[in-house]
Amino acid sequence: MKRAIKIKYATAAVMALVALASLCVVIGLLFSGSGAAFAEDPAATDEAPVEVTEEAVQSGITDTGMKAIAAAIAVGVAAAAGAIGMAIAIAKSNESIARQPEAKADIRSSMMLGLVFIETAIIYALIVAILLIFVL
């Protein structure tokens, strides 16, 4: 029983770290492309202001498009990492129930709590992705 709980906590911690790392990467990608586009005063920077060329407009590469790509990557990576974590947690809880059927209720409740924590990290990634698209 204690081993199953340790595995659950370890899985939840790893998935939370993976989700946070993916969000940091996506935010870094978002801000690395056009640093001058986010500056309040273009004259205050040493770089020339970013101009949208006709070629970029025709190819569909815009600031909104980059934000959408960053948001999609954030949600996709977080969902994939969460799915892997959930699969590991469910598999280990089924193994634990098979070994100790009398502890079925305790194992199942611990697993559900861990799955809720993993799903919460995925929902946070979705919220950050929505903020990337509509606020920044």
Protein backbone atom coordinates (compact mmCIF):
# COMPACT_ATOMS: atom_id res chain seq x y z
CA MET A 1 0.00 0.00 0.00
CA LYS A 2 2.76 2.46 0.89
CA ARG A 3 4.59 1.67 -2.32
CA ALA A 4 1.48 2.44 -4.40
CA ILE A 5 1.08 5.78 -2.64
CA LYS A 6 4.74 6.66 -3.22
CA ILE A 7 4.38 5.80 -6.91
CA LYS A 8 1.26 7.94 -7.13
CA TYR A 9 2.94 10.96 -5.59
CA ALA A 10 6.04 10.51 -7.73
CA THR A 11 3.95 10.24 -10.89
CA ALA A 12 1.93 13.32 -10.02
CA ALA A 13 5.08 15.31 -9.25
CA VAL A 14 6.78 14.28 -12.50
CA MET A 15 3.73 15.16 -14.58
CA ALA A 16 3.38 18.53 -12.86
CA LEU A 17 7.04 19.29 -13.58
CA VAL A 18 6.66 18.22 -17.21
CA ALA A 19 3.58 20.44 -17.62
CA LEU A 20 5.34 23.43 -16.05
CA ALA A 21 8.45 22.88 -18.14
CA SER A 22 6.39 22.71 -21.33
CA LEU A 23 4.63 25.93 -20.41
CA CYS A 24 7.97 27.64 -19.79
CA VAL A 25 9.24 26.46 -23.18
CA VAL A 26 6.12 27.73 -24.93
CA ILE A 27 6.29 31.11 -23.22
CA GLY A 28 9.96 31.33 -24.17
CA LEU A 29 9.09 30.52 -27.78
CA LEU A 30 6.40 33.15 -27.75
CA PHE A 31 8.62 35.94 -26.48
CA SER A 32 11.79 35.01 -28.36
CA GLY A 33 10.37 35.62 -31.83
CA SER A 34 9.69 39.36 -31.76
CA GLY A 35 11.00 41.08 -28.68
CA ALA A 36 10.51 44.56 -30.09
CA ALA A 37 6.86 43.89 -30.83
CA PHE A 38 6.14 43.79 -27.10
CA ALA A 39 8.11 46.92 -26.21
CA GLU A 40 6.00 49.89 -25.17
CA ASP A 41 8.22 52.48 -26.82
CA PRO A 42 9.98 51.34 -30.02
CA ALA A 43 12.34 54.32 -29.82
CA ALA A 44 13.60 53.10 -26.42
CA THR A 45 15.06 49.92 -27.92
CA ASP A 46 18.22 49.68 -29.97
CA GLU A 47 16.52 47.47 -32.53
CA ALA A 48 14.37 48.70 -35.36
CA PRO A 49 10.64 48.17 -34.91
CA VAL A 50 9.34 44.90 -36.27
CA GLU A 51 7.46 45.47 -39.47
CA VAL A 52 4.99 43.03 -40.92
CA THR A 53 5.94 42.46 -44.51
CA GLU A 54 3.52 41.70 -47.29
CA GLU A 55 5.11 38.26 -47.69
CA ALA A 56 4.47 37.44 -44.03
CA VAL A 57 0.85 38.54 -44.32
CA GLN A 58 0.33 36.43 -47.43
CA SER A 59 1.89 33.35 -45.85
CA GLY A 60 -0.28 33.77 -42.75
CA ILE A 61 2.57 34.34 -40.29
CA THR A 62 1.26 36.89 -37.82
CA ASP A 63 1.62 37.58 -34.13
CA THR A 64 -1.77 35.99 -33.48
CA GLY A 65 -0.72 32.92 -35.45
CA MET A 66 2.41 32.52 -33.37
CA LYS A 67 0.36 32.82 -30.19
CA ALA A 68 -2.03 30.14 -31.43
CA ILE A 69 0.86 27.81 -32.24
CA ALA A 70 2.40 28.39 -28.79
CA ALA A 71 -0.94 27.73 -27.10
CA ALA A 72 -1.46 24.54 -29.11
CA ILE A 73 1.99 23.27 -28.18
CA ALA A 74 1.39 24.05 -24.50
CA VAL A 75 -1.93 22.24 -24.34
CA GLY A 76 -0.69 19.34 -26.45
CA VAL A 77 2.43 18.67 -24.42
CA ALA A 78 0.58 19.04 -21.11
CA ALA A 79 -2.23 16.73 -22.25
CA ALA A 80 0.21 14.11 -23.53
CA ALA A 81 2.28 14.21 -20.35
CA GLY A 82 -0.87 14.04 -18.23
CA ALA A 83 -2.18 11.07 -20.21
CA ILE A 84 1.09 9.21 -19.70
CA GLY A 85 1.03 9.98 -15.98
CA MET A 86 -2.58 8.86 -15.66
CA ALA A 87 -1.85 5.64 -17.51
CA ILE A 88 1.07 4.85 -15.20
CA ALA A 89 -0.99 5.64 -12.09
CA ILE A 90 -3.91 3.48 -13.22
CA ALA A 91 -1.63 0.59 -14.16
CA LYS A 92 0.16 0.68 -10.83
CA SER A 93 -3.09 0.90 -8.87
CA ASN A 94 -4.45 -2.11 -10.75
CA GLU A 95 -1.29 -4.03 -9.90
CA SER A 96 -1.69 -3.06 -6.25
CA ILE A 97 -5.34 -4.14 -6.20
CA ALA A 98 -4.37 -7.47 -7.78
CA ARG A 99 -1.77 -8.04 -5.07
CA GLN A 100 -3.94 -6.89 -2.15
CA PRO A 101 -7.64 -7.10 -2.97
CA GLU A 102 -8.60 -6.23 0.61
CA ALA A 103 -7.08 -2.75 0.20
CA LYS A 104 -9.13 -2.03 -2.93
CA ALA A 105 -11.04 0.95 -1.51
CA ASP A 106 -7.93 2.69 -0.16
CA ILE A 107 -5.98 2.18 -3.37
CA ARG A 108 -8.84 3.38 -5.54
CA SER A 109 -9.41 6.54 -3.50
CA SER A 110 -5.69 7.36 -3.56
CA MET A 111 -5.60 6.81 -7.31
CA MET A 112 -8.57 9.10 -7.88
CA LEU A 113 -6.93 11.85 -5.83
CA GLY A 114 -3.74 11.54 -7.86
CA LEU A 115 -5.67 11.62 -11.13
CA VAL A 116 -7.40 14.82 -10.02
CA PHE A 117 -4.02 16.46 -9.35
CA ILE A 118 -2.72 15.43 -12.77
CA GLU A 119 -5.86 16.70 -14.49
CA THR A 120 -5.52 19.99 -12.62
CA ALA A 121 -2.08 20.53 -14.16
CA ILE A 122 -3.59 19.98 -17.61
CA ILE A 123 -6.36 22.49 -16.90
CA TYR A 124 -3.74 25.03 -15.79
CA ALA A 125 -2.00 24.54 -19.14
CA LEU A 126 -5.29 25.20 -20.91
CA ILE A 127 -5.83 28.39 -18.91
CA VAL A 128 -2.31 29.62 -19.72
CA ALA A 129 -2.89 28.83 -23.39
CA ILE A 130 -6.11 30.84 -23.39
CA LEU A 131 -4.27 33.72 -21.71
CA LEU A 132 -1.55 33.54 -24.37
CA ILE A 133 -4.09 33.89 -27.14
CA PHE A 134 -6.42 36.54 -25.73
CA VAL A 135 -4.40 38.61 -23.25
CA LEU A 136 -0.82 38.84 -24.52
